[in-house]
N, C-alpha and C. Protein backbone atom coordinates (compact mmCIF):
# COMPACT_ATOMS: atom_id res chain seq x y z
N MET A 1 11.77 10.43 21.80
CA MET A 1 10.47 10.76 21.24
C MET A 1 10.62 11.46 19.89
N ALA A 2 11.51 12.44 19.85
CA ALA A 2 11.72 13.17 18.59
C ALA A 2 12.26 12.25 17.51
N ASP A 3 13.11 11.28 17.90
CA ASP A 3 13.63 10.34 16.92
C ASP A 3 12.52 9.51 16.29
N ASP A 4 11.54 9.09 17.10
CA ASP A 4 10.42 8.32 16.58
C ASP A 4 9.59 9.16 15.60
N ILE A 5 9.37 10.39 15.94
CA ILE A 5 8.60 11.28 15.07
C ILE A 5 9.36 11.55 13.78
N ASP A 6 10.67 11.79 13.89
CA ASP A 6 11.48 12.01 12.70
C ASP A 6 11.46 10.78 11.80
N ARG A 7 11.56 9.60 12.39
CA ARG A 7 11.56 8.36 11.61
C ARG A 7 10.20 8.16 10.93
N ALA A 8 9.13 8.43 11.64
CA ALA A 8 7.79 8.30 11.05
C ALA A 8 7.63 9.27 9.88
N HIS A 9 8.12 10.49 10.04
CA HIS A 9 8.05 11.48 8.97
C HIS A 9 8.88 11.03 7.77
N GLU A 10 10.06 10.50 8.04
CA GLU A 10 10.93 10.02 6.97
C GLU A 10 10.27 8.86 6.22
N LEU A 11 9.66 7.93 6.95
CA LEU A 11 8.98 6.81 6.31
C LEU A 11 7.81 7.28 5.46
N GLU A 12 7.08 8.27 5.95
CA GLU A 12 5.96 8.81 5.19
C GLU A 12 6.46 9.44 3.89
N GLU A 13 7.54 10.19 3.95
CA GLU A 13 8.09 10.82 2.74
C GLU A 13 8.56 9.76 1.74
N LEU A 14 9.23 8.71 2.23
CA LEU A 14 9.69 7.65 1.35
C LEU A 14 8.51 6.93 0.69
N HIS A 15 7.49 6.67 1.46
CA HIS A 15 6.32 5.98 0.91
C HIS A 15 5.60 6.85 -0.11
N ARG A 16 5.48 8.12 0.17
CA ARG A 16 4.84 9.03 -0.80
C ARG A 16 5.62 9.07 -2.10
N ALA A 17 6.94 9.14 -2.01
CA ALA A 17 7.78 9.17 -3.21
C ALA A 17 7.62 7.88 -4.00
N ALA A 18 7.60 6.74 -3.31
CA ALA A 18 7.43 5.45 -3.98
C ALA A 18 6.05 5.34 -4.62
N ALA A 19 5.02 5.80 -3.91
CA ALA A 19 3.66 5.74 -4.45
C ALA A 19 3.53 6.65 -5.67
N LEU A 20 4.12 7.83 -5.61
CA LEU A 20 4.07 8.75 -6.75
C LEU A 20 4.78 8.14 -7.95
N LYS A 21 5.95 7.57 -7.73
CA LYS A 21 6.68 6.93 -8.82
C LYS A 21 5.87 5.80 -9.42
N ALA A 22 5.24 4.99 -8.56
CA ALA A 22 4.43 3.88 -9.05
C ALA A 22 3.24 4.39 -9.86
N ARG A 23 2.62 5.45 -9.40
CA ARG A 23 1.46 5.99 -10.12
C ARG A 23 1.85 6.57 -11.47
N LEU A 24 3.03 7.14 -11.56
CA LEU A 24 3.47 7.74 -12.82
C LEU A 24 3.86 6.68 -13.84
N THR A 25 4.16 5.47 -13.39
CA THR A 25 4.64 4.43 -14.30
C THR A 25 3.63 3.31 -14.52
N ARG A 26 2.39 3.48 -14.09
CA ARG A 26 1.38 2.44 -14.29
C ARG A 26 0.05 3.05 -14.70
N LYS A 27 -0.86 2.18 -15.05
CA LYS A 27 -2.21 2.61 -15.38
C LYS A 27 -2.87 3.17 -14.13
N PRO A 28 -3.93 3.97 -14.28
CA PRO A 28 -4.56 4.58 -13.10
C PRO A 28 -4.99 3.57 -12.04
N TYR A 29 -5.52 2.44 -12.44
CA TYR A 29 -5.91 1.40 -11.49
C TYR A 29 -5.32 0.09 -11.96
N PRO A 30 -4.70 -0.65 -11.06
CA PRO A 30 -4.12 -1.93 -11.47
C PRO A 30 -5.22 -2.91 -11.84
N PRO A 31 -4.90 -3.88 -12.70
CA PRO A 31 -5.92 -4.85 -13.09
C PRO A 31 -6.32 -5.72 -11.90
N GLN A 32 -7.58 -6.03 -11.83
CA GLN A 32 -8.09 -6.90 -10.77
C GLN A 32 -8.65 -8.15 -11.45
N ASP A 33 -8.13 -9.29 -11.07
CA ASP A 33 -8.63 -10.56 -11.60
C ASP A 33 -9.12 -11.38 -10.43
N ILE A 34 -10.22 -10.93 -9.85
CA ILE A 34 -10.74 -11.52 -8.62
C ILE A 34 -11.12 -12.99 -8.83
N GLU A 35 -11.64 -13.33 -10.01
CA GLU A 35 -12.03 -14.72 -10.26
C GLU A 35 -10.83 -15.66 -10.16
N CYS A 36 -9.66 -15.19 -10.56
CA CYS A 36 -8.44 -16.00 -10.46
C CYS A 36 -7.72 -15.76 -9.14
N GLY A 37 -8.28 -14.91 -8.29
CA GLY A 37 -7.67 -14.66 -6.99
C GLY A 37 -6.56 -13.65 -7.00
N LYS A 38 -6.44 -12.86 -8.06
CA LYS A 38 -5.38 -11.86 -8.13
C LYS A 38 -5.97 -10.47 -7.92
N VAL A 39 -5.50 -9.82 -6.89
CA VAL A 39 -5.90 -8.46 -6.57
C VAL A 39 -4.63 -7.66 -6.39
N PHE A 40 -4.62 -6.44 -6.89
CA PHE A 40 -3.42 -5.62 -6.84
C PHE A 40 -3.65 -4.37 -5.99
N CYS A 41 -2.64 -4.01 -5.24
CA CYS A 41 -2.69 -2.85 -4.35
C CYS A 41 -2.96 -1.58 -5.15
N ILE A 42 -3.88 -0.76 -4.67
CA ILE A 42 -4.22 0.46 -5.39
C ILE A 42 -3.17 1.55 -5.22
N ASP A 43 -2.25 1.39 -4.26
CA ASP A 43 -1.19 2.39 -4.07
C ASP A 43 0.06 2.05 -4.87
N CYS A 44 0.59 0.84 -4.69
CA CYS A 44 1.87 0.50 -5.31
C CYS A 44 1.74 -0.41 -6.52
N GLY A 45 0.59 -1.06 -6.69
CA GLY A 45 0.38 -1.94 -7.84
C GLY A 45 0.88 -3.36 -7.64
N ASP A 46 1.50 -3.66 -6.50
CA ASP A 46 1.95 -5.03 -6.23
C ASP A 46 0.74 -5.93 -5.99
N GLU A 47 0.93 -7.22 -6.27
CA GLU A 47 -0.15 -8.17 -6.01
C GLU A 47 -0.37 -8.31 -4.51
N VAL A 48 -1.63 -8.32 -4.11
CA VAL A 48 -1.98 -8.55 -2.71
C VAL A 48 -1.93 -10.07 -2.51
N PRO A 49 -1.11 -10.55 -1.57
CA PRO A 49 -0.95 -11.99 -1.39
C PRO A 49 -2.28 -12.69 -1.05
N PRO A 50 -2.47 -13.91 -1.57
CA PRO A 50 -3.70 -14.65 -1.28
C PRO A 50 -3.97 -14.82 0.21
N ALA A 51 -2.93 -15.00 1.02
CA ALA A 51 -3.13 -15.15 2.47
C ALA A 51 -3.77 -13.89 3.05
N ARG A 52 -3.37 -12.73 2.55
CA ARG A 52 -3.97 -11.47 3.04
C ARG A 52 -5.43 -11.39 2.61
N LEU A 53 -5.72 -11.81 1.39
CA LEU A 53 -7.10 -11.77 0.90
C LEU A 53 -8.00 -12.73 1.68
N ASN A 54 -7.42 -13.82 2.18
CA ASN A 54 -8.21 -14.74 3.02
C ASN A 54 -8.63 -14.07 4.32
N VAL A 55 -7.76 -13.20 4.85
CA VAL A 55 -8.05 -12.50 6.10
C VAL A 55 -8.92 -11.27 5.85
N GLU A 56 -8.59 -10.51 4.80
CA GLU A 56 -9.31 -9.27 4.47
C GLU A 56 -9.66 -9.27 2.99
N PRO A 57 -10.73 -9.96 2.60
CA PRO A 57 -11.06 -10.12 1.18
C PRO A 57 -11.30 -8.82 0.41
N GLU A 58 -11.72 -7.77 1.09
CA GLU A 58 -12.05 -6.51 0.42
C GLU A 58 -10.93 -5.49 0.48
N THR A 59 -9.75 -5.87 0.95
CA THR A 59 -8.67 -4.90 1.14
C THR A 59 -8.18 -4.32 -0.18
N PRO A 60 -7.98 -3.01 -0.24
CA PRO A 60 -7.44 -2.41 -1.46
C PRO A 60 -5.91 -2.29 -1.44
N TRP A 61 -5.27 -2.67 -0.30
CA TRP A 61 -3.84 -2.45 -0.14
C TRP A 61 -3.07 -3.72 0.19
N CYS A 62 -1.79 -3.73 -0.19
CA CYS A 62 -0.87 -4.77 0.26
C CYS A 62 -0.53 -4.48 1.73
N VAL A 63 0.18 -5.39 2.37
CA VAL A 63 0.50 -5.24 3.80
C VAL A 63 1.32 -3.97 4.04
N GLU A 64 2.31 -3.71 3.21
CA GLU A 64 3.17 -2.54 3.41
C GLU A 64 2.37 -1.24 3.30
N CYS A 65 1.55 -1.12 2.27
CA CYS A 65 0.76 0.11 2.09
C CYS A 65 -0.30 0.24 3.19
N GLN A 66 -0.87 -0.87 3.63
CA GLN A 66 -1.83 -0.83 4.74
C GLN A 66 -1.15 -0.28 5.98
N GLY A 67 0.08 -0.74 6.25
CA GLY A 67 0.83 -0.23 7.40
C GLY A 67 1.06 1.26 7.30
N TYR A 68 1.37 1.73 6.10
CA TYR A 68 1.56 3.16 5.90
C TYR A 68 0.28 3.93 6.24
N HIS A 69 -0.86 3.45 5.76
CA HIS A 69 -2.12 4.14 6.01
C HIS A 69 -2.47 4.13 7.50
N GLU A 70 -2.18 3.02 8.18
CA GLU A 70 -2.43 2.97 9.62
C GLU A 70 -1.53 3.94 10.37
N LEU A 71 -0.26 4.02 9.96
CA LEU A 71 0.68 4.96 10.59
C LEU A 71 0.23 6.39 10.36
N LYS A 72 -0.19 6.69 9.14
CA LYS A 72 -0.65 8.04 8.80
C LYS A 72 -1.88 8.42 9.62
N ASP A 73 -2.78 7.46 9.82
CA ASP A 73 -4.00 7.74 10.58
C ASP A 73 -3.71 8.01 12.06
N ARG A 74 -2.63 7.43 12.58
CA ARG A 74 -2.28 7.63 13.99
C ARG A 74 -1.66 8.99 14.24
N CYS A 75 -1.03 9.56 13.24
CA CYS A 75 -0.32 10.84 13.43
C CYS A 75 -1.24 12.02 13.33
């Protein structure tokens, strides 16, 4: 049990560090080109894959960042 909690905490710290680094090296909000089908994650700036947009058209996050937010909400 403690190992799972430690791993979750470690993943959260790694994700925060990556998100902070991404925010420091990019514009405040990534460009959104919805007409061309390009949407970018508001946390990391990576393009949100078209398949994900077909399932969740209004999502602000890529799959990895969405997973982080779901994990954070559970803790």
